[in-house]
């Protein structure tokens, strides 16, 4: 990978993690999987806004989802993200 590609990737990840609300989501997922309702309760972020942030985190590969019955659980995709965070 060329250095320029690395810098672009690094800047993109930093931009994704730099939002305070996304940081609150990441911090809430530190200890395990949570549903959207759990995240609303822990972060105080309104559902519509939380869904937007979760979509960004999911698109960037920061979080992953797992459906169990009627519930969708969000978790960190890689524990190294928490180390970097």
Protein backbone atom coordinates (compact mmCIF):
# COMPACT_ATOMS: atom_id res chain seq x y z
CA UNK A 1 0.00 0.00 0.00
CA UNK A 2 1.32 3.42 -0.88
CA UNK A 3 1.85 5.91 1.92
CA UNK A 4 -0.80 8.24 0.46
CA UNK A 5 -3.41 5.47 0.59
CA UNK A 6 -2.48 4.78 4.21
CA UNK A 7 -2.88 8.45 5.11
CA UNK A 8 -6.30 8.62 3.44
CA UNK A 9 -7.43 5.48 5.28
CA UNK A 10 -6.05 6.77 8.58
CA UNK A 11 -7.77 10.15 8.15
CA UNK A 12 -11.07 8.42 7.32
CA UNK A 13 -10.92 6.27 10.45
CA UNK A 14 -9.99 9.26 12.60
CA UNK A 15 -12.88 11.26 11.16
CA UNK A 16 -15.27 8.41 11.93
CA UNK A 17 -14.07 8.15 15.53
CA UNK A 18 -13.83 11.89 16.17
CA UNK A 19 -17.56 12.49 16.65
CA UNK A 20 -18.47 12.72 20.38
CA UNK A 21 -21.70 10.77 19.95
CA UNK A 22 -19.94 7.96 18.09
CA UNK A 23 -17.35 7.94 20.88
CA UNK A 24 -20.17 7.50 23.40
CA UNK A 25 -21.49 4.55 21.38
CA UNK A 26 -18.03 2.96 21.19
CA UNK A 27 -17.50 3.46 24.92
CA UNK A 28 -20.90 1.87 25.64
CA UNK A 29 -20.00 -1.18 23.54
CA UNK A 30 -16.70 -1.60 25.39
CA UNK A 31 -18.07 -4.38 27.60
CA UNK A 32 -20.22 -6.25 25.11
CA UNK A 33 -23.14 -6.26 22.71
CA UNK A 34 -26.11 -3.93 23.15
CA UNK A 35 -29.41 -3.29 21.41
CA UNK A 36 -30.43 0.12 20.10
CA UNK A 37 -32.68 0.57 23.15
CA UNK A 38 -29.75 -0.26 25.45
CA UNK A 39 -27.59 2.29 23.61
CA UNK A 40 -30.31 4.96 23.85
CA UNK A 41 -30.48 4.38 27.59
CA UNK A 42 -26.69 4.43 28.07
CA UNK A 43 -25.88 7.37 25.79
CA UNK A 44 -29.01 9.52 25.90
CA UNK A 45 -28.81 9.92 22.11
CA UNK A 46 -32.26 10.13 20.48
CA UNK A 47 -33.16 7.03 18.42
CA UNK A 48 -33.17 8.72 15.00
CA UNK A 49 -29.78 10.30 15.57
CA UNK A 50 -28.35 7.13 17.10
CA UNK A 51 -29.44 5.13 14.06
CA UNK A 52 -27.53 7.53 11.80
CA UNK A 53 -24.35 7.16 13.88
CA UNK A 54 -24.69 3.38 14.02
CA UNK A 55 -25.09 3.27 10.24
CA UNK A 56 -21.85 5.24 9.82
CA UNK A 57 -20.00 3.03 12.31
CA UNK A 58 -21.32 -0.07 10.58
CA UNK A 59 -20.43 1.18 7.08
CA UNK A 60 -16.90 1.97 8.24
CA UNK A 61 -16.56 -1.48 9.80
CA UNK A 62 -16.29 -0.25 13.38
CA UNK A 63 -19.36 -2.13 14.65
CA UNK A 64 -21.16 -5.26 13.52
CA UNK A 65 -24.68 -6.52 14.07
CA UNK A 66 -26.22 -9.81 15.08
CA UNK A 67 -29.95 -10.47 14.92
CA UNK A 68 -31.49 -12.59 17.66
CA UNK A 69 -35.26 -12.90 17.43
CA UNK A 70 -36.71 -9.40 17.24
CA UNK A 71 -33.54 -7.77 18.55
CA UNK A 72 -30.47 -6.52 16.72
CA UNK A 73 -27.32 -6.45 18.84
CA UNK A 74 -24.43 -4.11 18.06
CA UNK A 75 -20.87 -4.94 19.05
CA UNK A 76 -17.37 -3.81 18.23
CA UNK A 77 -16.05 -5.47 15.08
CA UNK A 78 -12.48 -5.61 16.38
CA UNK A 79 -11.14 -5.19 19.94
CA UNK A 80 -8.12 -3.33 18.57
CA UNK A 81 -10.44 -0.41 17.79
CA UNK A 82 -11.00 -0.03 21.53
CA UNK A 83 -7.25 0.02 22.09
CA UNK A 84 -6.87 2.77 19.49
CA UNK A 85 -9.85 4.63 20.90
